[in-house]
Amino acid sequence: MNIKQAVALLYPETKDAPVIVAKERGDLAEKMIKLAQKYNVPVFEESDTVNILSLYEVGECIPEETYEVISKIFAFIRRTVK
């Protein structure tokens, strides 16, 4: 059984990398995704990346091994949300 996971990122100008600002599993992850969609926050599904990010705590910067995929996600969002 796959349990839904969600991780929210923010890239403050004062940080060297995006920061994990929220993470949830199960029903709360579903609610987090629905709220993001309701408020037009881009949602991108990438299960391998969310599995890695879920190992880290809220407030931590993303790990280096996710830089490449996260940069592609941020670039995609910037292209599509204008």
PDB file of N, CA and C in Angstrom:
ATOM      1  N   MET A   1       0.834  -1.185   0.000  1.00  0.00           N
ATOM      2  CA  MET A   1       0.000   0.000   0.000  1.00  0.00           C
ATOM      3  C   MET A   1       0.877   1.246   0.000  1.00  0.00           C
ATOM      4  N   ASN A   2       0.626   2.150  -0.935  1.00  0.00           N
ATOM      5  CA  ASN A   2       1.361   3.396  -1.009  1.00  0.00           C
ATOM      6  C   ASN A   2       0.686   4.459  -0.164  1.00  0.00           C
ATOM      7  N   ILE A   3       1.430   5.036   0.759  1.00  0.00           N
ATOM      8  CA  ILE A   3       0.914   6.128   1.566  1.00  0.00           C
ATOM      9  C   ILE A   3       1.351   7.427   0.897  1.00  0.00           C
ATOM     10  N   LYS A   4       0.401   8.305   0.637  1.00  0.00           N
ATOM     11  CA  LYS A   4       0.679   9.581  -0.012  1.00  0.00           C
ATOM     12  C   LYS A   4       1.585  10.418   0.879  1.00  0.00           C
ATOM     13  N   GLN A   5       2.570  11.065   0.267  1.00  0.00           N
ATOM     14  CA  GLN A   5       3.459  11.969   0.974  1.00  0.00           C
ATOM     15  C   GLN A   5       3.485  13.299   0.235  1.00  0.00           C
ATOM     16  N   ALA A   6       3.705  14.367   0.980  1.00  0.00           N
ATOM     17  CA  ALA A   6       3.822  15.690   0.372  1.00  0.00           C
ATOM     18  C   ALA A   6       4.891  16.478   1.123  1.00  0.00           C
ATOM     19  N   VAL A   7       5.667  17.228   0.351  1.00  0.00           N
ATOM     20  CA  VAL A   7       6.701  18.091   0.914  1.00  0.00           C
ATOM     21  C   VAL A   7       6.581  19.445   0.221  1.00  0.00           C
ATOM     22  N   ALA A   8       6.579  20.508   1.018  1.00  0.00           N
ATOM     23  CA  ALA A   8       6.518  21.867   0.467  1.00  0.00           C
ATOM     24  C   ALA A   8       7.879  22.524   0.625  1.00  0.00           C
ATOM     25  N   LEU A   9       8.286  23.235  -0.430  1.00  0.00           N
ATOM     26  CA  LEU A   9       9.588  23.902  -0.438  1.00  0.00           C
ATOM     27  C   LEU A   9       9.421  25.399  -0.634  1.00  0.00           C
ATOM     28  N   LEU A  10      10.369  26.134  -0.098  1.00  0.00           N
ATOM     29  CA  LEU A  10      10.458  27.572  -0.298  1.00  0.00           C
ATOM     30  C   LEU A  10      11.922  27.883  -0.549  1.00  0.00           C
ATOM     31  N   TYR A  11      12.181  28.809  -1.452  1.00  0.00           N
ATOM     32  CA  TYR A  11      13.567  29.165  -1.755  1.00  0.00           C
ATOM     33  C   TYR A  11      13.800  30.630  -1.399  1.00  0.00           C
ATOM     34  N   PRO A  12      14.086  30.891  -0.126  1.00  0.00           N
ATOM     35  CA  PRO A  12      14.326  32.272   0.285  1.00  0.00           C
ATOM     36  C   PRO A  12      15.630  32.801  -0.321  1.00  0.00           C
ATOM     37  N   GLU A  13      15.643  34.078  -0.629  1.00  0.00           N
ATOM     38  CA  GLU A  13      16.852  34.686  -1.209  1.00  0.00           C
ATOM     39  C   GLU A  13      18.033  34.614  -0.261  1.00  0.00           C
ATOM     40  N   THR A  14      17.780  34.476   1.017  1.00  0.00           N
ATOM     41  CA  THR A  14      18.848  34.458   2.016  1.00  0.00           C
ATOM     42  C   THR A  14      19.493  33.089   2.197  1.00  0.00           C
ATOM     43  N   LYS A  15      18.965  32.070   1.528  1.00  0.00           N
ATOM     44  CA  LYS A  15      19.486  30.704   1.664  1.00  0.00           C
ATOM     45  C   LYS A  15      20.202  30.267   0.396  1.00  0.00           C
ATOM     46  N   ASP A  16      21.107  29.310   0.549  1.00  0.00           N
ATOM     47  CA  ASP A  16      21.840  28.758  -0.590  1.00  0.00           C
ATOM     48  C   ASP A  16      21.057  27.676  -1.326  1.00  0.00           C
ATOM     49  N   ALA A  17      20.000  27.164  -0.704  1.00  0.00           N
ATOM     50  CA  ALA A  17      19.205  26.092  -1.303  1.00  0.00           C
ATOM     51  C   ALA A  17      17.771  26.204  -0.785  1.00  0.00           C
ATOM     52  N   PRO A  18      16.817  25.583  -1.490  1.00  0.00           N
ATOM     53  CA  PRO A  18      15.441  25.581  -0.994  1.00  0.00           C
ATOM     54  C   PRO A  18      15.338  24.928   0.384  1.00  0.00           C
ATOM     55  N   VAL A  19      14.338  25.364   1.122  1.00  0.00           N
ATOM     56  CA  VAL A  19      14.113  24.894   2.484  1.00  0.00           C
ATOM     57  C   VAL A  19      12.797  24.119   2.530  1.00  0.00           C
ATOM     58  N   ILE A  20      12.779  23.048   3.293  1.00  0.00           N
ATOM     59  CA  ILE A  20      11.554  22.281   3.518  1.00  0.00           C
ATOM     60  C   ILE A  20      10.724  23.067   4.523  1.00  0.00           C
ATOM     61  N   VAL A  21       9.517  23.481   4.110  1.00  0.00           N
ATOM     62  CA  VAL A  21       8.672  24.290   4.989  1.00  0.00           C
ATOM     63  C   VAL A  21       7.480  23.510   5.533  1.00  0.00           C
ATOM     64  N   ALA A  22       7.187  22.369   4.950  1.00  0.00           N
ATOM     65  CA  ALA A  22       6.107  21.512   5.454  1.00  0.00           C
ATOM     66  C   ALA A  22       6.277  20.125   4.864  1.00  0.00           C
ATOM     67  N   LYS A  23       5.820  19.131   5.613  1.00  0.00           N
ATOM     68  CA  LYS A  23       5.798  17.764   5.082  1.00  0.00           C
ATOM     69  C   LYS A  23       4.750  16.979   5.837  1.00  0.00           C
ATOM     70  N   GLU A  24       4.061  16.124   5.108  1.00  0.00           N
ATOM     71  CA  GLU A  24       2.994  15.312   5.706  1.00  0.00           C
ATOM     72  C   GLU A  24       2.903  13.975   4.991  1.00  0.00           C
ATOM     73  N   ARG A  25       2.179  13.049   5.636  1.00  0.00           N
ATOM     74  CA  ARG A  25       1.909  11.718   5.073  1.00  0.00           C
ATOM     75  C   ARG A  25       0.424  11.422   5.207  1.00  0.00           C
ATOM     76  N   GLY A  26      -0.062  10.545   4.344  1.00  0.00           N
ATOM     77  CA  GLY A  26      -1.442  10.071   4.453  1.00  0.00           C
ATOM     78  C   GLY A  26      -2.468  11.153   4.176  1.00  0.00           C
ATOM     79  N   ASP A  27      -3.517  11.165   5.009  1.00  0.00           N
ATOM     80  CA  ASP A  27      -4.623  12.105   4.818  1.00  0.00           C
ATOM     81  C   ASP A  27      -4.153  13.555   4.877  1.00  0.00           C
ATOM     82  N   LEU A  28      -3.218  13.854   5.771  1.00  0.00           N
ATOM     83  CA  LEU A  28      -2.729  15.230   5.867  1.00  0.00           C
ATOM     84  C   LEU A  28      -1.964  15.644   4.608  1.00  0.00           C
ATOM     85  N   ALA A  29      -1.278  14.711   3.986  1.00  0.00           N
ATOM     86  CA  ALA A  29      -0.602  15.002   2.716  1.00  0.00           C
ATOM     87  C   ALA A  29      -1.628  15.333   1.642  1.00  0.00           C
ATOM     88  N   GLU A  30      -2.707  14.572   1.609  1.00  0.00           N
ATOM     89  CA  GLU A  30      -3.790  14.838   0.652  1.00  0.00           C
ATOM     90  C   GLU A  30      -4.376  16.232   0.873  1.00  0.00           C
ATOM     91  N   LYS A  31      -4.602  16.594   2.126  1.00  0.00           N
ATOM     92  CA  LYS A  31      -5.139  17.918   2.452  1.00  0.00           C
ATOM     93  C   LYS A  31      -4.152  19.012   2.053  1.00  0.00           C
ATOM     94  N   MET A  32      -2.883  18.767   2.299  1.00  0.00           N
ATOM     95  CA  MET A  32      -1.846  19.735   1.938  1.00  0.00           C
ATOM     96  C   MET A  32      -1.854  19.987   0.423  1.00  0.00           C
ATOM     97  N   ILE A  33      -1.973  18.928  -0.353  1.00  0.00           N
ATOM     98  CA  ILE A  33      -1.996  19.045  -1.815  1.00  0.00           C
ATOM     99  C   ILE A  33      -3.257  19.778  -2.272  1.00  0.00           C
ATOM    100  N   LYS A  34      -4.391  19.438  -1.682  1.00  0.00           N
ATOM    101  CA  LYS A  34      -5.643  20.107  -2.055  1.00  0.00           C
ATOM    102  C   LYS A  34      -5.602  21.600  -1.726  1.00  0.00           C
ATOM    103  N   LEU A  35      -5.041  21.951  -0.571  1.00  0.00           N
ATOM    104  CA  LEU A  35      -4.917  23.362  -0.216  1.00  0.00           C
ATOM    105  C   LEU A  35      -3.989  24.095  -1.182  1.00  0.00           C
ATOM    106  N   ALA A  36      -2.893  23.460  -1.540  1.00  0.00           N
ATOM    107  CA  ALA A  36      -1.971  24.072  -2.501  1.00  0.00           C
ATOM    108  C   ALA A  36      -2.697  24.332  -3.819  1.00  0.00           C
ATOM    109  N   GLN A  37      -3.436  23.359  -4.289  1.00  0.00           N
ATOM    110  CA  GLN A  37      -4.176  23.526  -5.543  1.00  0.00           C
ATOM    111  C   GLN A  37      -5.233  24.614  -5.423  1.00  0.00           C
ATOM    112  N   LYS A  38      -5.920  24.660  -4.286  1.00  0.00           N
ATOM    113  CA  LYS A  38      -6.956  25.672  -4.064  1.00  0.00           C
ATOM    114  C   LYS A  38      -6.380  27.081  -4.163  1.00  0.00           C
ATOM    115  N   TYR A  39      -5.171  27.268  -3.652  1.00  0.00           N
ATOM    116  CA  TYR A  39      -4.542  28.588  -3.637  1.00  0.00           C
ATOM    117  C   TYR A  39      -3.526  28.777  -4.768  1.00  0.00           C
ATOM    118  N   ASN A  40      -3.649  27.935  -5.794  1.00  0.00           N
ATOM    119  CA  ASN A  40      -2.809  28.029  -6.996  1.00  0.00           C
ATOM    120  C   ASN A  40      -1.305  27.940  -6.718  1.00  0.00           C
ATOM    121  N   VAL A  41      -0.956  27.148  -5.726  1.00  0.00           N
ATOM    122  CA  VAL A  41       0.448  26.852  -5.466  1.00  0.00           C
ATOM    123  C   VAL A  41       0.810  25.673  -6.363  1.00  0.00           C
ATOM    124  N   PRO A  42       1.859  25.800  -7.169  1.00  0.00           N
ATOM    125  CA  PRO A  42       2.205  24.698  -8.068  1.00  0.00           C
ATOM    126  C   PRO A  42       2.467  23.396  -7.304  1.00  0.00           C
ATOM    127  N   VAL A  43       1.939  22.313  -7.852  1.00  0.00           N
ATOM    128  CA  VAL A  43       2.131  20.973  -7.282  1.00  0.00           C
ATOM    129  C   VAL A  43       2.804  20.129  -8.347  1.00  0.00           C
ATOM    130  N   PHE A  44       3.881  19.480  -7.970  1.00  0.00           N
ATOM    131  CA  PHE A  44       4.639  18.651  -8.896  1.00  0.00           C
ATOM    132  C   PHE A  44       4.847  17.305  -8.231  1.00  0.00           C
ATOM    133  N   GLU A  45       4.515  16.227  -8.917  1.00  0.00           N
ATOM    134  CA  GLU A  45       4.653  14.890  -8.338  1.00  0.00           C
ATOM    135  C   GLU A  45       5.925  14.212  -8.823  1.00  0.00           C
ATOM    136  N   GLU A  46       6.745  13.838  -7.882  1.00  0.00           N
ATOM    137  CA  GLU A  46       7.998  13.138  -8.164  1.00  0.00           C
ATOM    138  C   GLU A  46       8.281  12.283  -6.927  1.00  0.00           C
ATOM    139  N   SER A  47       7.796  11.035  -6.954  1.00  0.00           N
ATOM    140  CA  SER A  47       7.807  10.195  -5.753  1.00  0.00           C
ATOM    141  C   SER A  47       9.208   9.906  -5.212  1.00  0.00           C
ATOM    142  N   ASP A  48      10.182   9.680  -6.076  1.00  0.00           N
ATOM    143  CA  ASP A  48      11.538   9.405  -5.584  1.00  0.00           C
ATOM    144  C   ASP A  48      12.090  10.588  -4.805  1.00  0.00           C
ATOM    145  N   THR A  49      11.843  11.781  -5.322  1.00  0.00           N
ATOM    146  CA  THR A  49      12.353  12.982  -4.661  1.00  0.00           C
ATOM    147  C   THR A  49      11.639  13.230  -3.341  1.00  0.00           C
ATOM    148  N   VAL A  50      10.324  13.071  -3.320  1.00  0.00           N
ATOM    149  CA  VAL A  50       9.594  13.286  -2.074  1.00  0.00           C
ATOM    150  C   VAL A  50      10.001  12.250  -1.023  1.00  0.00           C
ATOM    151  N   ASN A  51      10.330  11.046  -1.450  1.00  0.00           N
ATOM    152  CA  ASN A  51      10.815  10.034  -0.499  1.00  0.00           C
ATOM    153  C   ASN A  51      12.113  10.479   0.158  1.00  0.00           C
ATOM    154  N   ILE A  52      13.011  11.066  -0.622  1.00  0.00           N
ATOM    155  CA  ILE A  52      14.278  11.560  -0.066  1.00  0.00           C
ATOM    156  C   ILE A  52      14.017  12.748   0.848  1.00  0.00           C
ATOM    157  N   LEU A  53      13.238  13.715   0.359  1.00  0.00           N
ATOM    158  CA  LEU A  53      12.997  14.932   1.132  1.00  0.00           C
ATOM    159  C   LEU A  53      12.264  14.649   2.438  1.00  0.00           C
ATOM    160  N   SER A  54      11.425  13.627   2.452  1.00  0.00           N
ATOM    161  CA  SER A  54      10.662  13.316   3.667  1.00  0.00           C
ATOM    162  C   SER A  54      11.553  12.817   4.802  1.00  0.00           C
ATOM    163  N   LEU A  55      12.781  12.450   4.488  1.00  0.00           N
ATOM    164  CA  LEU A  55      13.727  12.017   5.519  1.00  0.00           C
ATOM    165  C   LEU A  55      14.312  13.192   6.307  1.00  0.00           C
ATOM    166  N   TYR A  56      14.118  14.409   5.792  1.00  0.00           N
ATOM    167  CA  TYR A  56      14.677  15.604   6.415  1.00  0.00           C
ATOM    168  C   TYR A  56      13.594  16.347   7.182  1.00  0.00           C
ATOM    169  N   GLU A  57      14.031  17.227   8.071  1.00  0.00           N
ATOM    170  CA  GLU A  57      13.100  17.941   8.937  1.00  0.00           C
ATOM    171  C   GLU A  57      12.673  19.278   8.334  1.00  0.00           C
ATOM    172  N   VAL A  58      11.500  19.733   8.735  1.00  0.00           N
ATOM    173  CA  VAL A  58      11.039  21.062   8.363  1.00  0.00           C
ATOM    174  C   VAL A  58      12.066  22.072   8.872  1.00  0.00           C
ATOM    175  N   GLY A  59      12.416  23.013   8.001  1.00  0.00           N
ATOM    176  CA  GLY A  59      13.415  24.024   8.349  1.00  0.00           C
ATOM    177  C   GLY A  59      14.793  23.727   7.787  1.00  0.00           C
ATOM    178  N   GLU A  60      15.020  22.490   7.347  1.00  0.00           N
ATOM    179  CA  GLU A  60      16.306  22.120   6.766  1.00  0.00           C
ATOM    180  C   GLU A  60      16.326  22.434   5.272  1.00  0.00           C
ATOM    181  N   CYS A  61      17.522  22.760   4.777  1.00  0.00           N
ATOM    182  CA  CYS A  61      17.704  22.911   3.335  1.00  0.00           C
ATOM    183  C   CYS A  61      17.651  21.530   2.686  1.00  0.00           C
ATOM    184  N   ILE A  62      17.274  21.500   1.416  1.00  0.00           N
ATOM    185  CA  ILE A  62      17.223  20.222   0.709  1.00  0.00           C
ATOM    186  C   ILE A  62      18.632  19.644   0.600  1.00  0.00           C
ATOM    187  N   PRO A  63      18.771  18.334   0.542  1.00  0.00           N
ATOM    188  CA  PRO A  63      20.097  17.719   0.421  1.00  0.00           C
ATOM    189  C   PRO A  63      20.661  17.896  -0.992  1.00  0.00           C
ATOM    190  N   GLU A  64      21.978  17.908  -1.075  1.00  0.00           N
ATOM    191  CA  GLU A  64      22.650  18.127  -2.362  1.00  0.00           C
ATOM    192  C   GLU A  64      22.226  17.131  -3.438  1.00  0.00           C
ATOM    193  N   GLU A  65      21.947  15.887  -3.055  1.00  0.00           N
ATOM    194  CA  GLU A  65      21.593  14.888  -4.070  1.00  0.00           C
ATOM    195  C   GLU A  65      20.266  15.200  -4.768  1.00  0.00           C
ATOM    196  N   THR A  66      19.502  16.161  -4.237  1.00  0.00           N
ATOM    197  CA  THR A  66      18.248  16.537  -4.885  1.00  0.00           C
ATOM    198  C   THR A  66      18.342  17.854  -5.658  1.00  0.00           C
ATOM    199  N   TYR A  67      19.485  18.517  -5.625  1.00  0.00           N
ATOM    200  CA  TYR A  67      19.628  19.826  -6.280  1.00  0.00           C
ATOM    201  C   TYR A  67      19.214  19.788  -7.747  1.00  0.00           C
ATOM    202  N   GLU A  68      19.696  18.802  -8.487  1.00  0.00           N
ATOM    203  CA  GLU A  68      19.433  18.771  -9.929  1.00  0.00           C
ATOM    204  C   GLU A  68      17.945  18.628 -10.230  1.00  0.00           C
ATOM    205  N   VAL A  69      17.294  17.669  -9.602  1.00  0.00           N
ATOM    206  CA  VAL A  69      15.868  17.460  -9.888  1.00  0.00           C
ATOM    207  C   VAL A  69      15.036  18.633  -9.377  1.00  0.00           C
ATOM    208  N   ILE A  70      15.378  19.179  -8.222  1.00  0.00           N
ATOM    209  CA  ILE A  70      14.623  20.314  -7.680  1.00  0.00           C
ATOM    210  C   ILE A  70      14.811  21.541  -8.567  1.00  0.00           C
ATOM    211  N   SER A  71      16.014  21.746  -9.092  1.00  0.00           N
ATOM    212  CA  SER A  71      16.223  22.894  -9.984  1.00  0.00           C
ATOM    213  C   SER A  71      15.383  22.746 -11.254  1.00  0.00           C
ATOM    214  N   LYS A  72      15.236  21.531 -11.750  1.00  0.00           N
ATOM    215  CA  LYS A  72      14.386  21.295 -12.926  1.00  0.00           C
ATOM    216  C   LYS A  72      12.916  21.567 -12.597  1.00  0.00           C
ATOM    217  N   ILE A  73      12.495  21.187 -11.401  1.00  0.00           N
ATOM    218  CA  ILE A  73      11.113  21.439 -10.983  1.00  0.00           C
ATOM    219  C   ILE A  73      10.864  22.941 -10.864  1.00  0.00           C
ATOM    220  N   PHE A  74      11.784  23.663 -10.199  1.00  0.00           N
ATOM    221  CA  PHE A  74      11.632  25.108 -10.070  1.00  0.00           C
ATOM    222  C   PHE A  74      11.642  25.788 -11.437  1.00  0.00           C
ATOM    223  N   ALA A  75      12.482  25.334 -12.346  1.00  0.00           N
ATOM    224  CA  ALA A  75      12.528  25.911 -13.699  1.00  0.00           C
ATOM    225  C   ALA A  75      11.212  25.655 -14.430  1.00  0.00           C
ATOM    226  N   PHE A  76      10.679  24.460 -14.308  1.00  0.00           N
ATOM    227  CA  PHE A  76       9.394  24.129 -14.927  1.00  0.00           C
ATOM    228  C   PHE A  76       8.290  25.036 -14.379  1.00  0.00           C
ATOM    229  N   ILE A  77       8.274  25.219 -13.073  1.00  0.00           N
ATOM    230  CA  ILE A  77       7.253  26.064 -12.448  1.00  0.00           C
ATOM    231  C   ILE A  77       7.394  27.505 -12.935  1.00  0.00           C
ATOM    232  N   ARG A  78       8.610  28.001 -12.995  1.00  0.00           N
ATOM    233  CA  ARG A  78       8.817  29.389 -13.453  1.00  0.00           C
ATOM    234  C   ARG A  78       8.349  29.583 -14.894  1.00  0.00           C
ATOM    235  N   ARG A  79       8.549  28.568 -15.726  1.00  0.00           N
ATOM    236  CA  ARG A  79       8.105  28.658 -17.139  1.00  0.00           C
ATOM    237  C   ARG A  79       6.589  28.624 -17.259  1.00  0.00           C
ATOM    238  N   THR A  80       5.940  27.849 -16.410  1.00  0.00           N
ATOM    239  CA  THR A  80       4.499  27.649 -16.571  1.00  0.00           C
ATOM    240  C   THR A  80       3.644  28.606 -15.744  1.00  0.00           C
ATOM    241  N   VAL A  81       4.205  29.207 -14.714  1.00  0.00           N
ATOM    242  CA  VAL A  81       3.428  30.101 -13.836  1.00  0.00           C
ATOM    243  C   VAL A  81       3.905  31.528 -14.066  1.00  0.00           C
ATOM    244  N   LYS A  82       3.281  32.176 -15.012  1.00  0.00           N
ATOM    245  CA  LYS A  82       3.624  33.589 -15.288  1.00  0.00           C
ATOM    246  C   LYS A  82       2.390  34.375 -15.506  1.00  0.00           C
TER     247      LYS A  82
END
